[in-house]
C-alpha atoms as a PDB file:
ATOM      1  CA  MET A   1      98.100  86.658 114.586  1.00  0.00           C
ATOM      2  CA  SER A   2     100.901  85.627 112.048  1.00  0.00           C
ATOM      3  CA  ASP A   3     102.331  85.776 109.108  1.00  0.00           C
ATOM      4  CA  HIS A   4     100.888  83.076 107.931  1.00  0.00           C
ATOM      5  CA  GLU A   5      97.528  83.894 108.633  1.00  0.00           C
ATOM      6  CA  LEU A   6      97.278  87.017 106.802  1.00  0.00           C
ATOM      7  CA  LYS A   7      99.001  85.876 104.189  1.00  0.00           C
ATOM      8  CA  GLU A   8      96.587  83.051 103.779  1.00  0.00           C
ATOM      9  CA  LEU A   9      93.250  85.585 104.393  1.00  0.00           C
ATOM     10  CA  LEU A  10      95.162  87.257 101.476  1.00  0.00           C
ATOM     11  CA  GLU A  11      95.407  84.978  99.364  1.00  0.00           C
ATOM     12  CA  GLN A  12      91.746  84.280 100.310  1.00  0.00           C
ATOM     13  CA  LEU A  13      90.873  87.429  99.493  1.00  0.00           C
ATOM     14  CA  HIS A  14      92.391  86.497  96.278  1.00  0.00           C
ATOM     15  CA  GLN A  15      90.640  83.544  95.501  1.00  0.00           C
ATOM     16  CA  GLU A  16      87.079  85.315  95.753  1.00  0.00           C
ATOM     17  CA  LEU A  17      88.341  87.945  93.934  1.00  0.00           C
ATOM     18  CA  ALA A  18      88.375  85.389  91.279  1.00  0.00           C
ATOM     19  CA  SER A  19      85.717  83.933  91.622  1.00  0.00           C
ATOM     20  CA  THR A  20      83.282  87.183  91.109  1.00  0.00           C
ATOM     21  CA  GLU A  21      82.518  88.138  87.941  1.00  0.00           C
ATOM     22  CA  SER A  22      81.643  91.900  87.916  1.00  0.00           C
ATOM     23  CA  VAL A  23      84.995  92.771  89.995  1.00  0.00           C
ATOM     24  CA  SER A  24      86.801  95.599  87.373  1.00  0.00           C
ATOM     25  CA  ALA A  25      90.359  95.167  86.763  1.00  0.00           C
ATOM     26  CA  GLU A  26      91.083  98.071  88.311  1.00  0.00           C
ATOM     27  CA  THR A  27      90.477  97.438  91.786  1.00  0.00           C
ATOM     28  CA  LEU A  28      92.047  93.448  90.844  1.00  0.00           C
ATOM     29  CA  GLU A  29      94.757  95.604  90.350  1.00  0.00           C
ATOM     30  CA  ARG A  30      95.157  97.822  94.135  1.00  0.00           C
ATOM     31  CA  VAL A  31      94.077  94.420  95.116  1.00  0.00           C
ATOM     32  CA  ARG A  32      97.981  92.937  93.600  1.00  0.00           C
ATOM     33  CA  GLU A  33      98.827  95.855  94.362  1.00  0.00           C
ATOM     34  CA  LEU A  34      98.269  96.333  98.368  1.00  0.00           C
ATOM     35  CA  ASP A  35      98.953  92.187  99.316  1.00  0.00           C
ATOM     36  CA  ALA A  36     102.381  93.909  97.208  1.00  0.00           C
ATOM     37  CA  ASP A  37     102.841  96.844 100.231  1.00  0.00           C
ATOM     38  CA  ILE A  38     101.577  94.210 102.785  1.00  0.00           C
ATOM     39  CA  HIS A  39     104.849  92.203 102.254  1.00  0.00           C
ATOM     40  CA  LYS A  40     106.522  95.405 102.337  1.00  0.00           C
ATOM     41  CA  LEU A  41     105.127  96.311 105.284  1.00  0.00           C
ATOM     42  CA  VAL A  42     106.370  92.898 107.222  1.00  0.00           C
ATOM     43  CA  ALA A  43     109.385  92.613 106.030  1.00  0.00           C
ATOM     44  CA  SER A  44     110.761  96.225 107.244  1.00  0.00           C
ATOM     45  CA  GLY A  45     109.567  96.371 110.578  1.00  0.00           C
ATOM     46  CA  ALA A  46     106.916  97.641 109.709  1.00  0.00           C
ATOM     47  CA  GLN A  47     107.459 101.414 109.517  1.00  0.00           C
ATOM     48  CA  THR A  48     105.059 104.172 110.511  1.00  0.00           C
ATOM     49  CA  GLU A  49     105.034 105.690 107.289  1.00  0.00           C
ATOM     50  CA  ILE A  50     104.634 102.335 104.871  1.00  0.00           C
ATOM     51  CA  PHE A  51     101.819 101.679 107.698  1.00  0.00           C
ATOM     52  CA  GLU A  52      99.410 104.573 107.149  1.00  0.00           C
ATOM     53  CA  THR A  53      99.596 104.130 103.313  1.00  0.00           C
ATOM     54  CA  VAL A  54      99.005 100.179 103.364  1.00  0.00           C
ATOM     55  CA  MET A  55      96.043 101.102 106.489  1.00  0.00           C
ATOM     56  CA  ASP A  56      95.122 103.905 103.428  1.00  0.00           C
ATOM     57  CA  ARG A  57      94.644 101.394 100.988  1.00  0.00           C
ATOM     58  CA  ALA A  58      93.013  98.545 103.628  1.00  0.00           C
ATOM     59  CA  ARG A  59      89.897 101.199 104.367  1.00  0.00           C
ATOM     60  CA  ALA A  60      89.381 102.364 100.739  1.00  0.00           C
ATOM     61  CA  LEU A  61      89.670  98.759  98.917  1.00  0.00           C
ATOM     62  CA  GLU A  62      87.490  97.792 102.520  1.00  0.00           C
ATOM     63  CA  SER A  63      84.917 100.291 101.455  1.00  0.00           C
ATOM     64  CA  ARG A  64      84.682 100.061  97.275  1.00  0.00           C
ATOM     65  CA  PHE A  65      83.638  95.981  98.714  1.00  0.00           C
ATOM     66  CA  ALA A  66      81.202  97.150 101.213  1.00  0.00           C
ATOM     67  CA  VAL A  67      78.035  96.693  98.774  1.00  0.00           C
ATOM     68  CA  ASN A  68      78.736  94.555  96.326  1.00  0.00           C
ATOM     69  CA  HIS A  69      80.981  92.282  97.521  1.00  0.00           C
ATOM     70  CA  PRO A  70      81.148  91.501 101.201  1.00  0.00           C
ATOM     71  CA  VAL A  71      82.553  88.396 101.069  1.00  0.00           C
ATOM     72  CA  ALA A  72      85.643  90.245 100.428  1.00  0.00           C
ATOM     73  CA  GLU A  73      84.808  93.214 102.985  1.00  0.00           C
ATOM     74  CA  ARG A  74      85.533  90.962 105.739  1.00  0.00           C
ATOM     75  CA  PHE A  75      88.612  90.051 104.355  1.00  0.00           C
ATOM     76  CA  MET A  76      89.569  93.640 104.383  1.00  0.00           C
ATOM     77  CA  ALA A  77      88.868  94.179 107.933  1.00  0.00           C
ATOM     78  CA  GLN A  78      91.009  90.789 109.125  1.00  0.00           C
ATOM     79  CA  ILE A  79      93.355  91.872 107.196  1.00  0.00           C
ATOM     80  CA  MET A  80      93.583  95.736 108.389  1.00  0.00           C
ATOM     81  CA  ASP A  81      92.386  94.026 112.580  1.00  0.00           C
ATOM     82  CA  ILE A  82      95.651  90.853 112.149  1.00  0.00           C
ATOM     83  CA  LEU A  83      97.774  94.124 110.823  1.00  0.00           C
ATOM     84  CA  ALA A  84      97.262  96.146 113.793  1.00  0.00           C
ATOM     85  CA  LYS A  85      97.170  93.394 116.536  1.00  0.00           C
ATOM     86  CA  MET A  86     100.718  92.251 114.733  1.00  0.00           C
ATOM     87  CA  GLY A  87     101.512  96.015 115.973  1.00  0.00           C
ATOM     88  CA  ILE A  88     102.905  96.982 112.527  1.00  0.00           C
END
């Protein structure tokens, strides 16, 4: 898995949420924050304390999407999987 694949998944997640009317402004903001944090994490060389925060946020969003946004939930699961496989 590469940084490029991670960026593509993040972009697809943003596109999916943009095309869904039932996503709250708060959720969209949390996704934007997570996106920025993931970019910082990758750029920082995967600092452990940042990683735990990113994974906690990703898990929270995945849970939030589970009921109403199954496609977004799958994107979150893939994003977390890529981070884990990158050794982050």
